[in-house]
Protein backbone atom coordinates (compact mmCIF):
# COMPACT_ATOMS: atom_id res chain seq x y z
CA MET A 1 -44.05 9.58 19.10
CA GLU A 2 -45.16 12.99 20.38
CA ALA A 3 -44.21 14.37 23.68
CA PRO A 4 -47.01 16.13 25.71
CA THR A 5 -47.25 20.07 25.24
CA GLY A 6 -48.19 20.67 28.75
CA GLN A 7 -46.05 20.37 31.96
CA SER A 8 -45.88 21.65 35.59
CA SER A 9 -43.67 23.97 37.07
CA GLN A 10 -42.09 21.39 38.84
CA ASP A 11 -41.32 19.62 35.70
CA GLU A 12 -39.69 22.98 34.37
CA GLU A 13 -37.66 23.36 37.40
CA ARG A 14 -36.68 19.54 37.05
CA CYS A 15 -35.70 20.38 33.37
CA LEU A 16 -33.52 23.40 34.40
CA GLU A 17 -31.43 21.42 36.95
CA LEU A 18 -31.04 18.89 34.06
CA HIS A 19 -29.91 21.85 31.94
CA ALA A 20 -27.48 22.98 34.33
CA THR A 21 -26.10 19.55 35.24
CA GLU A 22 -25.64 18.67 31.67
CA LEU A 23 -23.79 21.67 30.84
CA GLU A 24 -21.39 21.04 33.79
CA THR A 25 -21.08 17.51 32.22
CA LEU A 26 -19.86 19.23 28.98
CA ARG A 27 -17.43 21.51 30.61
CA SER A 28 -16.07 18.73 32.46
CA ILE A 29 -15.66 16.53 29.37
CA TYR A 30 -14.57 19.37 26.91
CA SER A 31 -12.81 22.74 28.01
CA SER A 32 -14.76 25.65 29.36
CA SER A 33 -13.79 27.50 26.14
CA ALA A 34 -15.42 25.09 23.92
CA VAL A 35 -18.72 25.12 25.74
CA ARG A 36 -20.48 28.43 26.09
CA THR A 37 -23.96 29.37 26.94
CA LEU A 38 -25.46 32.11 24.57
CA PRO A 39 -27.69 34.74 25.65
CA SER A 40 -31.41 33.84 25.48
CA THR A 41 -34.61 35.18 27.49
CA THR A 42 -36.74 32.05 26.96
CA THR A 43 -34.61 28.94 26.62
CA THR A 44 -31.06 27.49 27.36
CA THR A 45 -28.80 28.07 24.35
CA ILE A 46 -25.45 26.40 24.38
CA SER A 47 -22.59 26.61 21.56
CA ILE A 48 -20.05 23.84 21.42
CA SER A 49 -16.94 23.88 19.67
CA ILE A 50 -16.24 20.65 18.25
CA GLN A 51 -12.79 19.49 16.76
CA ILE A 52 -12.53 16.20 14.47
CA ASP A 53 -9.62 14.24 14.36
CA LEU A 54 -9.54 11.96 11.39
CA PHE A 55 -6.84 9.66 13.17
CA GLU A 56 -5.13 9.05 9.53
CA ALA A 57 -4.37 11.47 6.85
CA PHE A 58 -7.24 11.86 4.45
CA ARG A 59 -6.89 13.36 0.93
CA ILE A 60 -9.35 16.24 0.35
CA SER A 61 -10.30 16.81 -3.09
CA SER A 62 -12.08 19.56 -4.83
CA GLU A 63 -13.08 19.68 -8.32
CA ASP A 64 -12.18 22.91 -10.01
CA ASP A 65 -15.57 24.74 -11.09
CA HIS A 66 -13.42 26.54 -13.93
CA SER A 67 -12.73 23.31 -15.69
CA SER A 68 -14.31 23.22 -19.17
CA SER A 69 -17.88 21.53 -19.40
CA SER A 70 -16.88 19.42 -22.20
CA GLN A 71 -14.25 17.75 -20.16
CA ASP A 72 -15.06 14.31 -18.57
CA SER A 73 -15.39 14.63 -14.90
CA ASP A 74 -12.42 12.28 -14.32
CA GLN A 75 -10.22 14.63 -16.28
CA ALA A 76 -11.33 17.78 -14.44
CA GLU A 77 -8.72 19.94 -12.74
CA ARG A 78 -8.74 19.24 -8.87
CA SER A 79 -7.27 20.63 -5.79
CA MET A 80 -5.71 18.17 -3.65
CA ALA A 81 -4.56 18.26 0.16
CA GLU A 82 -3.81 15.76 2.78
CA LEU A 83 -5.31 16.69 6.06
CA ARG A 84 -5.91 14.76 9.36
CA PHE A 85 -7.43 17.82 11.42
CA LEU A 86 -10.32 19.58 9.84
CA PRO A 87 -11.21 22.90 11.34
CA PRO A 88 -13.82 23.02 14.31
CA PHE A 89 -17.30 23.75 13.76
CA GLU A 90 -20.04 24.88 16.18
CA LEU A 91 -22.60 22.96 17.48
CA VAL A 92 -25.68 25.28 18.55
CA ALA A 93 -28.05 23.47 20.95
CA ARG A 94 -31.36 25.40 21.95
CA LEU A 95 -32.70 23.77 24.82
CA PRO A 96 -36.46 24.02 25.18
CA SER A 97 -37.95 24.44 28.76
CA GLY A 98 -39.30 20.75 28.47
CA TYR A 99 -35.92 19.20 27.48
CA PRO A 100 -34.76 16.50 28.02
CA VAL A 101 -37.92 15.21 29.65
CA SER A 102 -40.64 16.07 27.20
CA GLU A 103 -38.86 17.96 24.48
CA ALA A 104 -36.05 17.37 21.82
CA PRO A 105 -33.33 19.91 21.70
CA GLU A 106 -33.07 22.08 18.39
CA LEU A 107 -29.83 21.57 16.94
CA LYS A 108 -27.77 23.59 14.37
CA ILE A 109 -24.45 22.77 13.07
CA ASP A 110 -22.36 25.63 11.75
CA CYS A 111 -19.51 24.12 9.54
CA GLU A 112 -17.79 25.41 6.49
CA TRP A 113 -16.32 22.27 5.43
CA ALA A 114 -19.55 20.32 6.09
CA ARG A 115 -21.52 22.65 3.62
CA LEU A 116 -19.03 22.00 0.71
CA MET A 117 -18.07 18.30 1.45
CA ASP A 118 -20.57 15.59 -0.09
CA ILE A 119 -21.27 14.16 3.20
CA GLY A 120 -24.80 14.02 4.83
CA ARG A 121 -26.19 16.66 7.20
CA GLY A 122 -25.43 16.07 10.86
CA GLU A 123 -28.76 17.72 12.40
CA GLU A 124 -30.74 14.93 10.96
CA GLU A 125 -28.67 12.52 12.52
CA VAL A 126 -27.93 13.78 15.92
CA GLY A 127 -31.94 14.54 16.19
CA ARG A 128 -32.64 11.01 16.12
CA ILE A 129 -30.31 10.43 19.36
CA TRP A 130 -32.90 11.98 21.39
CA ILE A 131 -35.94 10.01 19.98
CA GLU A 132 -33.82 6.80 20.26
CA GLY A 133 -33.05 7.55 24.03
CA THR A 134 -36.91 8.18 25.02
CA THR A 135 -38.70 5.75 27.15
CA SER A 136 -42.71 5.19 27.25
CA ASN A 137 -44.39 5.30 30.61
CA GLY A 138 -46.43 2.43 30.86
CA GLN A 139 -49.29 3.83 32.92
CA ASP A 140 -50.15 7.03 30.78
CA GLY A 141 -48.33 6.22 27.61
CA THR A 142 -46.28 9.79 27.93
CA ILE A 143 -42.79 9.83 26.74
CA GLU A 144 -39.59 10.74 28.69
CA GLY A 145 -36.38 11.84 27.12
CA GLN A 146 -32.91 11.77 28.40
CA GLU A 147 -30.04 14.28 28.42
CA CYS A 148 -28.27 13.47 24.97
CA LEU A 149 -25.79 16.47 23.89
CA ALA A 150 -22.87 14.51 25.19
CA ILE A 151 -23.91 11.56 22.95
CA CYS A 152 -24.70 13.99 20.11
CA VAL A 153 -21.08 15.54 20.51
CA ASP A 154 -19.34 12.28 20.75
CA TRP A 155 -20.98 10.85 17.49
CA LEU A 156 -20.19 14.11 15.75
CA GLU A 157 -16.50 13.62 16.79
CA HIS A 158 -16.24 10.03 16.17
CA ASP A 159 -19.07 8.56 13.83
CA TRP A 160 -19.90 11.44 11.54
CA LEU A 161 -17.17 10.96 8.75
CA SER A 162 -16.86 7.25 9.59
CA SER A 163 -18.58 6.28 6.63
CA THR A 164 -16.55 8.19 4.30
CA SER A 165 -13.40 7.23 2.44
CA SER A 166 -10.39 8.99 1.15
CA PRO A 167 -10.58 11.08 -0.75
CA LEU A 168 -13.25 13.71 0.72
CA LEU A 169 -14.84 15.21 -2.18
CA PHE A 170 -15.87 18.98 -2.12
CA ARG A 171 -18.92 19.38 -4.60
CA ASN A 172 -17.77 22.85 -5.48
CA HIS A 173 -14.85 24.80 -6.01
CA ILE A 174 -13.20 26.05 -2.64
CA PRO A 175 -11.47 29.46 -2.79
CA SER A 176 -7.90 29.58 -1.83
CA GLU A 177 -8.50 31.36 1.45
CA SER A 178 -10.49 28.12 2.59
CA TRP A 179 -7.55 25.95 1.51
CA ASP A 180 -5.13 27.97 3.29
CA ARG A 181 -7.24 27.83 6.53
CA PHE A 182 -7.61 24.09 6.16
CA ARG A 183 -3.77 23.60 5.65
CA ALA A 184 -2.88 25.92 8.36
CA HIS A 185 -5.26 24.33 11.14
CA ASN A 186 -4.07 20.78 10.23
CA ARG A 187 -0.39 22.10 10.66
CA ARG A 188 -0.93 23.76 13.80
CA LEU A 189 -2.73 20.77 15.37
CA MET A 190 -0.23 18.43 13.85
CA LYS A 191 2.76 20.28 15.47
CA LEU A 192 0.80 20.61 18.85
CA GLU A 193 0.44 16.68 18.87
CA PHE A 194 4.13 16.24 17.64
CA ASP A 195 5.25 18.47 20.22
CA ASN A 196 3.96 16.71 23.20
CA GLN A 197 4.62 13.24 22.06
CA ASP A 198 7.80 11.24 23.18
CA PHE A 199 10.44 10.09 20.79
CA VAL A 200 13.45 8.14 21.17
CA CYS A 201 16.28 9.50 18.95
CA PRO A 202 18.15 6.76 16.87
CA ILE A 203 21.49 8.65 17.54
CA CYS A 204 21.59 9.39 21.20
CA LEU A 205 18.97 6.72 22.17
CA GLU A 206 17.67 9.22 24.69
CA THR A 207 13.87 10.07 24.85
CA ARG A 208 12.82 13.41 24.02
CA LYS A 209 9.61 15.58 23.48
CA GLY A 210 8.68 16.68 20.03
CA ARG A 211 9.26 20.09 20.82
CA GLN A 212 12.85 18.97 21.26
CA SER A 213 12.87 16.91 17.96
CA ILE A 214 12.51 17.08 14.23
CA GLN A 215 10.69 15.01 12.03
CA LEU A 216 12.42 14.66 8.73
CA GLU A 217 9.72 15.65 5.75
CA ASN A 218 10.94 13.34 3.22
CA CYS A 219 10.93 10.00 5.12
CA GLY A 220 8.98 10.91 8.30
CA HIS A 221 11.95 9.81 10.84
CA THR A 222 12.41 11.56 13.92
CA PHE A 223 15.66 12.77 15.77
CA CYS A 224 16.58 15.24 18.55
CA ARG A 225 17.52 18.63 17.27
CA ASN A 226 20.86 18.60 19.04
CA CYS A 227 22.10 15.47 17.40
CA LEU A 228 21.25 16.38 14.03
CA GLN A 229 22.70 19.94 14.31
CA GLU A 230 26.16 18.53 15.80
CA PHE A 231 26.29 16.00 12.97
CA PHE A 232 24.94 17.91 10.05
CA GLY A 233 27.22 20.82 11.11
CA LEU A 234 30.49 18.43 11.26
CA MET A 235 29.81 16.98 7.86
CA ILE A 236 29.29 20.40 6.27
CA GLN A 237 32.47 21.50 8.14
CA GLU A 238 34.34 18.67 7.00
CA GLY A 239 32.84 18.66 3.00
CA GLU A 240 31.08 15.34 3.62
CA VAL A 241 27.84 16.57 2.18
CA ARG A 242 26.49 13.33 0.95
CA LYS A 243 25.93 12.20 4.54
CA VAL A 244 23.56 15.24 5.25
CA ARG A 245 20.56 13.06 4.78
CA CYS A 246 18.52 10.81 7.24
CA CYS A 247 20.69 8.87 9.89
CA ASP A 248 18.33 6.18 10.42
CA GLU A 249 19.80 3.01 9.42
CA GLY A 250 16.49 1.40 8.24
CA CYS A 251 15.75 4.39 5.89
CA LYS A 252 14.88 3.36 2.60
CA GLN A 253 14.32 6.98 1.09
CA GLY A 254 17.90 7.61 0.72
CA VAL A 255 17.04 11.21 0.07
CA GLY A 256 18.62 14.51 1.59
CA ILE A 257 16.74 17.06 3.78
CA SER A 258 15.09 20.26 2.97
CA VAL A 259 17.21 23.30 2.71
CA GLU A 260 14.42 24.82 5.10
CA GLU A 261 14.96 21.97 7.49
CA LEU A 262 18.62 22.28 7.18
CA GLU A 263 18.87 25.98 7.81
CA SER A 264 16.51 25.54 10.86
CA LEU A 265 19.23 23.27 12.26
CA VAL A 266 22.38 24.54 11.32
CA GLY A 267 21.88 28.35 10.23
CA LYS A 268 21.85 30.26 7.09
CA ASN A 269 25.82 30.48 6.78
CA GLN A 270 26.07 26.60 7.11
CA ARG A 271 23.12 25.91 4.71
CA ILE A 272 24.84 28.27 2.11
CA ARG A 273 28.17 26.55 2.31
CA TYR A 274 26.11 23.09 1.98
CA GLN A 275 24.47 24.29 -1.13
CA GLU A 276 28.00 25.31 -2.47
CA LEU A 277 29.54 21.95 -1.71
CA VAL A 278 26.64 20.36 -3.45
CA GLN A 279 26.94 22.18 -6.42
CA LYS A 280 30.66 21.45 -6.50
CA LEU A 281 30.06 17.78 -5.94
CA ALA A 282 27.62 17.65 -8.76
CA PHE A 283 29.93 19.54 -11.07
CA ASP A 284 33.05 17.47 -10.20
CA THR A 285 31.27 13.97 -10.38
CA ASP A 286 28.65 14.56 -13.61
CA PRO A 287 30.54 15.30 -16.98
CA THR A 288 27.06 16.86 -18.45
CA LEU A 289 26.91 19.45 -16.03
CA GLY A 290 28.70 23.07 -16.67
CA LEU A 291 28.98 26.48 -15.41
CA CYS A 292 27.36 29.40 -17.15
CA PRO A 293 30.10 31.32 -19.01
CA MET A 294 28.92 34.74 -17.93
CA GLU A 295 30.97 36.18 -15.35
CA SER A 296 28.28 37.71 -13.52
CA CYS A 297 26.13 34.27 -13.21
CA GLN A 298 28.48 31.15 -12.90
CA ALA A 299 25.30 29.00 -12.10
CA LEU A 300 25.21 25.57 -12.40
CA VAL A 301 23.71 24.53 -15.89
CA ARG A 302 22.28 21.00 -16.66
CA PRO A 303 21.46 19.46 -19.95
CA ASP A 304 18.05 19.48 -21.41
CA PRO A 305 17.08 16.04 -21.87
CA ALA A 306 14.70 16.99 -25.00
CA PHE A 307 18.16 17.53 -27.03
CA ASP A 308 20.10 14.38 -25.88
CA GLY A 309 21.42 12.17 -28.63
CA SER A 310 21.50 14.73 -31.29
CA ARG A 311 23.82 17.69 -32.43
CA SER A 312 22.03 20.06 -30.22
CA GLU A 313 23.10 18.12 -27.28
CA HIS A 314 25.69 20.56 -26.71
CA LEU A 315 23.18 23.46 -26.45
CA ARG A 316 22.72 24.66 -22.79
CA VAL A 317 20.40 27.35 -21.58
CA CYS A 318 21.23 28.80 -17.96
CA ASN A 319 17.88 28.87 -15.75
CA LYS A 320 19.36 31.75 -13.72
CA CYS A 321 20.07 34.51 -16.35
CA GLY A 322 18.74 32.76 -19.53
CA TYR A 323 22.03 32.75 -21.43
CA SER A 324 22.16 30.03 -24.26
CA PHE A 325 25.71 28.63 -24.94
CA CYS A 326 27.54 25.78 -26.33
CA PHE A 327 28.59 23.35 -23.69
CA VAL A 328 31.98 22.52 -25.77
CA CYS A 329 33.16 25.96 -26.68
CA LYS A 330 31.37 28.12 -23.95
CA LYS A 331 30.47 30.73 -26.80
CA THR A 332 27.06 31.93 -27.70
CA TRP A 333 24.92 29.08 -29.04
CA HIS A 334 25.98 28.76 -32.85
CA GLY A 335 23.25 26.19 -33.76
CA PRO A 336 23.23 22.34 -34.58
CA THR A 337 24.74 22.59 -37.82
CA ASN A 338 27.69 24.89 -37.22
CA LYS A 339 30.66 23.30 -35.61
CA CYS A 340 32.80 24.82 -32.89
CA SER A 341 35.42 27.18 -33.49
CA ILE A 342 38.50 24.74 -35.00
CA PRO A 343 41.09 26.78 -33.23
CA TYR A 344 39.30 26.32 -29.73
CA LEU A 345 38.89 22.54 -30.29
CA ALA A 346 42.52 22.17 -31.74
CA ARG A 347 43.79 23.31 -28.47
CA ILE A 348 42.04 21.28 -26.19
CA ILE A 349 42.28 18.30 -28.45
CA GLU A 350 46.22 18.52 -29.18
CA GLU A 351 46.56 19.02 -25.44
CA TYR A 352 44.66 15.99 -24.71
CA LEU A 353 46.62 13.72 -27.38
CA SER A 354 49.92 15.06 -25.97
CA LEU A 355 49.11 13.92 -22.49
CA VAL A 356 50.24 10.23 -21.50
CA GLU A 357 47.44 8.50 -20.12
CA ASP A 358 49.30 6.82 -16.94
CA GLU A 359 51.01 10.01 -16.13
CA SER A 360 48.74 12.83 -16.91
CA SER A 361 45.45 10.83 -15.99
CA LEU A 362 44.07 13.68 -13.90
CA LYS A 363 44.59 16.26 -16.57
CA ARG A 364 42.83 14.18 -19.22
CA ILE A 365 40.04 13.62 -16.81
CA GLN A 366 39.59 17.44 -16.38
CA ILE A 367 39.69 17.87 -20.06
CA GLU A 368 37.15 15.02 -20.68
CA ARG A 369 34.58 16.38 -18.47
CA LYS A 370 35.00 19.94 -19.99
CA VAL A 371 33.39 18.74 -23.03
CA GLY A 372 30.98 16.39 -21.43
CA GLY A 373 32.67 13.04 -20.93
CA LYS A 374 35.26 10.82 -22.50
CA SER A 375 32.64 9.38 -25.29
CA LYS A 376 31.71 12.90 -26.34
CA LEU A 377 35.46 13.82 -26.54
CA GLN A 378 36.40 10.84 -28.41
CA LYS A 379 33.52 11.86 -30.99
CA LEU A 380 35.11 15.38 -31.24
CA ILE A 381 38.49 14.06 -31.51
CA ASP A 382 37.45 11.71 -34.41
CA GLU A 383 35.75 14.71 -36.11
CA TYR A 384 38.98 16.83 -35.55
CA LEU A 385 41.30 14.46 -36.88
CA GLU A 386 38.91 14.04 -40.05
CA GLU A 387 38.64 17.62 -40.65
CA LYS A 388 42.36 18.13 -40.01
CA ALA A 389 43.14 15.41 -42.61
CA ASN A 390 40.77 17.22 -45.15
CA GLN A 391 42.64 20.59 -44.39
CA GLU A 392 45.81 19.06 -45.10
CA TRP A 393 44.80 17.33 -48.39
CA LYS A 394 43.26 20.62 -49.53
CA LEU A 395 46.46 22.16 -48.84
CA SER A 396 48.13 20.08 -50.88
CA HIS A 397 45.99 19.38 -53.66
CA THR A 398 43.86 22.49 -54.23
CA THR A 399 44.31 26.13 -54.54
CA THR A 400 41.68 28.69 -53.53
CA CYS A 401 40.01 30.97 -55.95
CA VAL A 402 41.20 34.61 -55.23
CA THR A 403 37.99 35.87 -56.02
CA CYS A 404 35.16 33.64 -54.40
CA PHE A 405 37.71 31.64 -52.19
CA ILE A 406 36.28 28.35 -53.05
CA PRO A 407 38.86 25.47 -53.24
CA VAL A 408 40.06 24.29 -56.75
CA GLU A 409 41.49 21.03 -57.51
CA LYS A 410 43.62 20.37 -60.66
CA ILE A 411 43.11 16.81 -62.29
CA GLU A 412 45.29 17.31 -65.29
CA GLY A 413 46.39 20.20 -67.52
CA CYS A 414 48.50 23.21 -67.34
CA ASN A 415 48.57 25.37 -64.37
CA HIS A 416 46.36 28.35 -65.92
CA MET A 417 43.04 28.01 -63.93
CA ILE A 418 39.40 29.22 -64.64
CA CYS A 419 37.20 29.20 -61.63
CA THR A 420 33.93 27.46 -62.51
CA LYS A 421 32.08 29.42 -60.13
CA CYS A 422 33.03 33.05 -60.85
CA GLN A 423 35.40 32.72 -64.02
CA THR A 424 38.27 34.45 -62.71
CA HIS A 425 41.58 33.37 -64.16
CA PHE A 426 44.22 32.44 -61.76
CA CYS A 427 47.78 30.58 -61.46
CA PHE A 428 47.16 27.20 -59.67
CA ARG A 429 50.92 27.26 -58.20
CA CYS A 430 50.77 30.62 -56.76
CA GLY A 431 47.32 31.70 -56.55
CA LEU A 432 48.13 35.01 -58.51
CA LYS A 433 45.13 36.47 -60.25
CA LEU A 434 45.80 36.20 -63.96
CA SER A 435 44.51 38.52 -67.11
CA PRO A 436 41.80 36.64 -68.89
CA VAL A 437 43.13 38.30 -72.21
CA GLN A 438 46.89 37.35 -71.76
CA PRO A 439 46.85 34.64 -69.08
CA TYR A 440 50.07 33.06 -70.21
CA LEU A 441 52.08 36.05 -69.78
CA HIS A 442 52.64 35.12 -66.22
CA PHE A 443 54.31 31.88 -67.23
CA SER A 444 56.72 33.72 -69.77
CA ASP A 445 57.68 36.48 -67.49
CA PRO A 446 61.39 35.69 -66.16
CA GLU A 447 60.47 38.00 -63.11
CA SER A 448 57.76 35.66 -62.22
CA GLY A 449 58.25 32.51 -59.96
CA CYS A 450 56.21 30.62 -62.35
CA PHE A 451 58.45 31.17 -65.11
CA ASN A 452 58.55 28.19 -67.55
CA GLN A 453 56.19 26.39 -64.98
CA LEU A 454 52.92 26.25 -67.16
CA MET A 455 52.68 22.52 -67.22
CA THR A 456 54.61 21.61 -64.01
CA LEU A 457 52.36 19.19 -61.58
CA SER A 458 53.26 21.06 -58.55
């Protein structure tokens, strides 16, 4: 259907009156700042700022245009954000002199995210709204339209994205600054909405505005700030850091709050004390945790799961200073095959074995956690006792070569020994190096402690 091109001055005046009426209607529905008239010499031009509320959090996805072309699209790197509010966009409506009676409005949408999203163009849809609202004059067949801008704005607000599903997909890679704008706008409106809502605090049971409350990030439960501030402050003061968590009885998350949230409630000093207490609690209850031996660091060091179950389970690498050390002896890491210093292990194991379990259980527990737990300590004890027995046997059954220092055992024969490794001649009884030319002088010298002891067994 086509509208007639000619119109009387009376029709033009009527249309101008309808322009003014519709503009006033729009400003009454929306704010004056959202509806503006733009300068124009021949037509009425209106700019309307439209804010879309998705009413539920939508995941916004962008396929990274830097991903390799050889990759499957499902495996392409994506950027994700969860938003409920998208930034406002502009609807510019040019109202011809014959609008709304005989001419349709010229509509243009200026929207950053609509240009990038995989959704239909809004101009085509809102353009049909005026046509669908026209009526035919039965006498002369002319077409008469109606005001449609308010209907167009309402459609853009509530129906434009109604056919889309989460996630909303961007066709192209989005610059990081655009992501930042989207997220910042969403946070701002979410906070504004939260600040103006009423909440019943589960602690004091009083109704508070959102601006007087805090919603925990991890679980979403809301409390008034004063209640959490007093409760968390008291728990930190008394050292009950396990209770610094969501206070809702039905909370199934069972997690603490973020350090940023905690600091906003109790201040920096209390937040620092809380973190120190949490570290101490972890250190006291988890035998696999240790402190970095570097005096200038002293950070809490956790085991690397990749090394669990092997000799390298004793390896610790401090994430703060990068120092690699042995969890047992606290020395620089000596590798998985080299054992810890025997004197060090001997001290702690002998001390542990000397303690009576019932009377000195606390001291035993402290030693157990020092080396990573009771099972690991028992393993070290078994190795130590085995090594100790080996050393005692070597002392009583072997003599160390005076040149190459390898232990030599005598099975039978005389006490004149020749090292099979370095060919050194030595006395098995006293370890003295002997002359390879006349080795037996040592056993025939009355001044020698081995006089006449060539064939003795000890």
